């Protein structure tokens, strides 16, 4: 058992909590109801989805893409064929 505790301590020392993990732990130091937990998961999912959409929009703009380019990409086969 002592070995397990040492391994756990080493892992914790190698991977400290991020600032957001610490803040969430402080904020939610109590149990949420199942409904509240579901709501929190949705809020977090929406937060990260908005970030991903913003990055995709920026890439779209940076590359000068338009609807014609996306149609072209949809019709392009990008997978390599197997050599026999």
C-alpha atoms as a PDB file:
ATOM      1  CA  UNK A   1       0.000   0.000   0.000  1.00  0.00           C
ATOM      2  CA  UNK A   2       2.855   2.374   0.765  1.00  0.00           C
ATOM      3  CA  UNK A   3       4.163   1.885  -2.760  1.00  0.00           C
ATOM      4  CA  UNK A   4       0.766   2.882  -4.194  1.00  0.00           C
ATOM      5  CA  UNK A   5       0.742   6.079  -2.165  1.00  0.00           C
ATOM      6  CA  UNK A   6       4.251   6.947  -3.318  1.00  0.00           C
ATOM      7  CA  UNK A   7       3.234   6.365  -6.959  1.00  0.00           C
ATOM      8  CA  UNK A   8       0.187   8.592  -6.485  1.00  0.00           C
ATOM      9  CA  UNK A   9       2.308  11.327  -4.917  1.00  0.00           C
ATOM     10  CA  UNK A  10       4.824  11.133  -7.768  1.00  0.00           C
ATOM     11  CA  UNK A  11       2.057  11.423 -10.348  1.00  0.00           C
ATOM     12  CA  UNK A  12       0.540  14.420  -8.574  1.00  0.00           C
ATOM     13  CA  UNK A  13       3.941  16.111  -8.385  1.00  0.00           C
ATOM     14  CA  UNK A  14       4.611  15.475 -12.071  1.00  0.00           C
ATOM     15  CA  UNK A  15       1.196  16.781 -13.160  1.00  0.00           C
ATOM     16  CA  UNK A  16       0.157  19.692 -10.949  1.00  0.00           C
ATOM     17  CA  UNK A  17      -3.361  21.023 -11.319  1.00  0.00           C
ATOM     18  CA  UNK A  18      -3.848  23.844 -13.793  1.00  0.00           C
ATOM     19  CA  UNK A  19      -5.154  27.237 -12.728  1.00  0.00           C
ATOM     20  CA  UNK A  20      -8.618  26.419 -14.090  1.00  0.00           C
ATOM     21  CA  UNK A  21      -8.714  23.073 -12.255  1.00  0.00           C
ATOM     22  CA  UNK A  22      -7.817  24.808  -8.982  1.00  0.00           C
ATOM     23  CA  UNK A  23     -10.447  27.500  -9.534  1.00  0.00           C
ATOM     24  CA  UNK A  24     -13.147  24.932 -10.289  1.00  0.00           C
ATOM     25  CA  UNK A  25     -12.212  22.956  -7.180  1.00  0.00           C
ATOM     26  CA  UNK A  26     -12.476  26.085  -5.029  1.00  0.00           C
ATOM     27  CA  UNK A  27     -15.743  27.186  -6.600  1.00  0.00           C
ATOM     28  CA  UNK A  28     -17.426  23.797  -6.363  1.00  0.00           C
ATOM     29  CA  UNK A  29     -16.276  22.570  -2.981  1.00  0.00           C
ATOM     30  CA  UNK A  30     -19.801  21.224  -2.461  1.00  0.00           C
ATOM     31  CA  UNK A  31     -21.894  18.624  -4.274  1.00  0.00           C
ATOM     32  CA  UNK A  32     -24.163  19.682  -7.109  1.00  0.00           C
ATOM     33  CA  UNK A  33     -27.455  18.007  -7.861  1.00  0.00           C
ATOM     34  CA  UNK A  34     -27.543  15.797 -10.944  1.00  0.00           C
ATOM     35  CA  UNK A  35     -29.425  18.553 -12.800  1.00  0.00           C
ATOM     36  CA  UNK A  36     -26.877  21.195 -11.794  1.00  0.00           C
ATOM     37  CA  UNK A  37     -24.025  18.902 -12.821  1.00  0.00           C
ATOM     38  CA  UNK A  38     -25.637  18.390 -16.224  1.00  0.00           C
ATOM     39  CA  UNK A  39     -26.075  22.151 -16.610  1.00  0.00           C
ATOM     40  CA  UNK A  40     -22.402  22.706 -15.744  1.00  0.00           C
ATOM     41  CA  UNK A  41     -21.302  20.121 -18.311  1.00  0.00           C
ATOM     42  CA  UNK A  42     -23.403  21.887 -20.953  1.00  0.00           C
ATOM     43  CA  UNK A  43     -21.925  25.263 -20.028  1.00  0.00           C
ATOM     44  CA  UNK A  44     -18.376  23.883 -20.317  1.00  0.00           C
ATOM     45  CA  UNK A  45     -19.143  22.121 -23.602  1.00  0.00           C
ATOM     46  CA  UNK A  46     -20.583  25.333 -25.052  1.00  0.00           C
ATOM     47  CA  UNK A  47     -17.556  27.322 -23.866  1.00  0.00           C
ATOM     48  CA  UNK A  48     -15.124  25.005 -25.651  1.00  0.00           C
ATOM     49  CA  UNK A  49     -17.361  24.708 -28.718  1.00  0.00           C
ATOM     50  CA  UNK A  50     -17.365  28.506 -29.086  1.00  0.00           C
ATOM     51  CA  UNK A  51     -13.556  28.534 -28.846  1.00  0.00           C
ATOM     52  CA  UNK A  52     -13.287  25.834 -31.532  1.00  0.00           C
ATOM     53  CA  UNK A  53     -15.702  27.677 -33.829  1.00  0.00           C
ATOM     54  CA  UNK A  54     -13.742  30.914 -33.400  1.00  0.00           C
ATOM     55  CA  UNK A  55     -10.499  29.116 -34.331  1.00  0.00           C
ATOM     56  CA  UNK A  56     -12.156  27.520 -37.358  1.00  0.00           C
ATOM     57  CA  UNK A  57     -13.548  30.890 -38.454  1.00  0.00           C
ATOM     58  CA  UNK A  58     -10.092  32.433 -38.125  1.00  0.00           C
ATOM     59  CA  UNK A  59      -8.505  29.634 -40.174  1.00  0.00           C
ATOM     60  CA  UNK A  60     -11.236  30.057 -42.810  1.00  0.00           C
ATOM     61  CA  UNK A  61     -10.462  33.784 -43.013  1.00  0.00           C
ATOM     62  CA  UNK A  62      -6.656  33.348 -42.943  1.00  0.00           C
ATOM     63  CA  UNK A  63      -6.767  30.863 -45.811  1.00  0.00           C
ATOM     64  CA  UNK A  64      -9.207  32.955 -47.838  1.00  0.00           C
ATOM     65  CA  UNK A  65     -11.695  30.107 -48.108  1.00  0.00           C
ATOM     66  CA  UNK A  66     -15.211  30.515 -49.427  1.00  0.00           C
ATOM     67  CA  UNK A  67     -18.164  28.252 -50.221  1.00  0.00           C
ATOM     68  CA  UNK A  68     -16.625  27.320 -53.579  1.00  0.00           C
ATOM     69  CA  UNK A  69     -13.441  26.112 -51.866  1.00  0.00           C
ATOM     70  CA  UNK A  70     -15.388  23.999 -49.377  1.00  0.00           C
ATOM     71  CA  UNK A  71     -17.374  22.389 -52.183  1.00  0.00           C
ATOM     72  CA  UNK A  72     -14.075  21.590 -53.898  1.00  0.00           C
ATOM     73  CA  UNK A  73     -12.708  20.043 -50.705  1.00  0.00           C
ATOM     74  CA  UNK A  74     -15.849  17.960 -50.262  1.00  0.00           C
ATOM     75  CA  UNK A  75     -15.353  16.473 -53.724  1.00  0.00           C
ATOM     76  CA  UNK A  76     -11.624  15.805 -53.287  1.00  0.00           C
ATOM     77  CA  UNK A  77     -10.435  12.351 -52.278  1.00  0.00           C
ATOM     78  CA  UNK A  78      -7.706  12.910 -49.705  1.00  0.00           C
ATOM     79  CA  UNK A  79      -7.048   9.295 -48.749  1.00  0.00           C
ATOM     80  CA  UNK A  80      -4.063   7.598 -50.297  1.00  0.00           C
ATOM     81  CA  UNK A  81      -4.743   4.440 -52.258  1.00  0.00           C
ATOM     82  CA  UNK A  82      -3.196   1.210 -51.095  1.00  0.00           C
ATOM     83  CA  UNK A  83      -0.450  -0.108 -53.287  1.00  0.00           C
ATOM     84  CA  UNK A  84      -0.935  -3.745 -54.261  1.00  0.00           C
END
